[in-house]
C-alpha cells in the first residue's frame, strides 16, 4: 500500500496539504508517501492538471484539494 501526493511547485495549497498529511503521520501509521510534481509527467498533467493537490492510495483518488483525514484513515482502516 502506498500514498502519492500529486502536487505542483510554488503551490501554497499543496504545501499546506503536505504539512497536514505529515502532521497526521505523526499520529497514525500511514503507508509510505511519494510526492510527485504534476508538471513532471504528461499523463499526470492531463489527468490532474489544475486539480492539485490530490492524494492517491495505490493510484486511486482519496481526496483533494483538501486533506480528508477521516476518509484516509477509514480507507486504511486505522
C-alpha atoms as a PDB file:
ATOM      1  CA  UNK A   1       0.000   0.000   0.000  1.00  0.00           C
ATOM      2  CA  UNK A   2       1.347   3.428  -0.889  1.00  0.00           C
ATOM      3  CA  UNK A   3       0.264   7.052  -0.862  1.00  0.00           C
ATOM      4  CA  UNK A   4       1.028   9.523  -3.625  1.00  0.00           C
ATOM      5  CA  UNK A   5       0.614  13.262  -3.244  1.00  0.00           C
ATOM      6  CA  UNK A   6       0.287  14.864  -6.658  1.00  0.00           C
ATOM      7  CA  UNK A   7       1.285  18.485  -6.271  1.00  0.00           C
ATOM      8  CA  UNK A   8       2.926  21.407  -8.043  1.00  0.00           C
ATOM      9  CA  UNK A   9       5.920  23.606  -7.306  1.00  0.00           C
ATOM     10  CA  UNK A  10       5.077  27.019  -5.834  1.00  0.00           C
ATOM     11  CA  UNK A  11       1.592  25.858  -4.804  1.00  0.00           C
ATOM     12  CA  UNK A  12       0.690  27.099  -1.321  1.00  0.00           C
ATOM     13  CA  UNK A  13      -2.316  24.759  -1.130  1.00  0.00           C
ATOM     14  CA  UNK A  14      -0.016  21.839  -1.970  1.00  0.00           C
ATOM     15  CA  UNK A  15       2.418  22.842   0.781  1.00  0.00           C
ATOM     16  CA  UNK A  16      -0.399  23.066   3.339  1.00  0.00           C
ATOM     17  CA  UNK A  17      -1.793  19.694   2.241  1.00  0.00           C
ATOM     18  CA  UNK A  18       1.631  18.089   2.667  1.00  0.00           C
ATOM     19  CA  UNK A  19       2.091  19.666   6.113  1.00  0.00           C
ATOM     20  CA  UNK A  20      -1.319  18.413   7.257  1.00  0.00           C
ATOM     21  CA  UNK A  21      -0.532  14.946   5.940  1.00  0.00           C
ATOM     22  CA  UNK A  22       2.785  14.868   7.812  1.00  0.00           C
ATOM     23  CA  UNK A  23       1.013  16.012  11.000  1.00  0.00           C
ATOM     24  CA  UNK A  24      -1.411  13.115  10.552  1.00  0.00           C
ATOM     25  CA  UNK A  25       1.554  10.772  10.019  1.00  0.00           C
ATOM     26  CA  UNK A  26       2.799  11.784  13.486  1.00  0.00           C
ATOM     27  CA  UNK A  27      -0.478  10.445  14.962  1.00  0.00           C
ATOM     28  CA  UNK A  28      -1.174   7.436  12.737  1.00  0.00           C
ATOM     29  CA  UNK A  29       0.853   4.773  10.953  1.00  0.00           C
ATOM     30  CA  UNK A  30       0.461   5.829   7.332  1.00  0.00           C
ATOM     31  CA  UNK A  31       1.916   3.962   4.355  1.00  0.00           C
ATOM     32  CA  UNK A  32       4.982   5.395   2.605  1.00  0.00           C
ATOM     33  CA  UNK A  33       4.367   8.681   0.782  1.00  0.00           C
ATOM     34  CA  UNK A  34       5.653   9.654  -2.643  1.00  0.00           C
ATOM     35  CA  UNK A  35       5.356  13.298  -3.672  1.00  0.00           C
ATOM     36  CA  UNK A  36       5.063  13.775  -7.427  1.00  0.00           C
ATOM     37  CA  UNK A  37       5.087  17.047  -9.369  1.00  0.00           C
ATOM     38  CA  UNK A  38       2.101  17.064 -11.720  1.00  0.00           C
ATOM     39  CA  UNK A  39       4.105  19.039 -14.277  1.00  0.00           C
ATOM     40  CA  UNK A  40       6.838  16.379 -14.478  1.00  0.00           C
ATOM     41  CA  UNK A  41       4.653  13.900 -16.350  1.00  0.00           C
ATOM     42  CA  UNK A  42       2.347  14.477 -19.318  1.00  0.00           C
ATOM     43  CA  UNK A  43      -0.121  11.813 -18.173  1.00  0.00           C
ATOM     44  CA  UNK A  44      -0.377  13.333 -14.686  1.00  0.00           C
ATOM     45  CA  UNK A  45      -0.770  16.771 -16.249  1.00  0.00           C
ATOM     46  CA  UNK A  46      -3.661  15.578 -18.423  1.00  0.00           C
ATOM     47  CA  UNK A  47      -5.332  13.703 -15.545  1.00  0.00           C
ATOM     48  CA  UNK A  48      -4.913  16.158 -12.679  1.00  0.00           C
ATOM     49  CA  UNK A  49      -3.910  19.471 -14.318  1.00  0.00           C
ATOM     50  CA  UNK A  50      -5.208  22.283 -12.135  1.00  0.00           C
ATOM     51  CA  UNK A  51      -6.929  19.921  -9.656  1.00  0.00           C
ATOM     52  CA  UNK A  52      -3.838  19.551  -7.456  1.00  0.00           C
ATOM     53  CA  UNK A  53      -3.161  18.737  -4.741  1.00  0.00           C
ATOM     54  CA  UNK A  54      -4.679  15.276  -4.766  1.00  0.00           C
ATOM     55  CA  UNK A  55      -3.890  12.281  -2.607  1.00  0.00           C
ATOM     56  CA  UNK A  56      -3.894   8.814  -4.143  1.00  0.00           C
ATOM     57  CA  UNK A  57      -3.868   5.467  -2.375  1.00  0.00           C
ATOM     58  CA  UNK A  58      -2.459   2.780  -4.653  1.00  0.00           C
ATOM     59  CA  UNK A  59      -3.372   5.015  -7.604  1.00  0.00           C
ATOM     60  CA  UNK A  60      -6.992   5.618  -6.555  1.00  0.00           C
ATOM     61  CA  UNK A  61      -8.183   9.071  -5.547  1.00  0.00           C
ATOM     62  CA  UNK A  62      -8.602   9.578  -1.807  1.00  0.00           C
ATOM     63  CA  UNK A  63      -9.135  13.324  -1.590  1.00  0.00           C
ATOM     64  CA  UNK A  64      -8.155  16.751  -2.814  1.00  0.00           C
ATOM     65  CA  UNK A  65      -7.634  19.636  -2.875  1.00  0.00           C
ATOM     66  CA  UNK A  66      -8.045  19.471   0.928  1.00  0.00           C
ATOM     67  CA  UNK A  67      -6.941  16.603   3.139  1.00  0.00           C
ATOM     68  CA  UNK A  68      -9.843  14.447   4.296  1.00  0.00           C
ATOM     69  CA  UNK A  69      -8.098  12.725   7.207  1.00  0.00           C
ATOM     70  CA  UNK A  70     -11.199  10.813   8.285  1.00  0.00           C
ATOM     71  CA  UNK A  71     -11.660   9.312   4.827  1.00  0.00           C
ATOM     72  CA  UNK A  72      -7.990   8.403   4.543  1.00  0.00           C
ATOM     73  CA  UNK A  73      -7.957   6.693   7.937  1.00  0.00           C
ATOM     74  CA  UNK A  74     -11.188   4.884   7.113  1.00  0.00           C
ATOM     75  CA  UNK A  75      -9.727   3.595   3.834  1.00  0.00           C
ATOM     76  CA  UNK A  76      -6.621   2.464   5.686  1.00  0.00           C
ATOM     77  CA  UNK A  77      -8.793   1.011   8.466  1.00  0.00           C
ATOM     78  CA  UNK A  78      -6.779   2.833  11.137  1.00  0.00           C
END
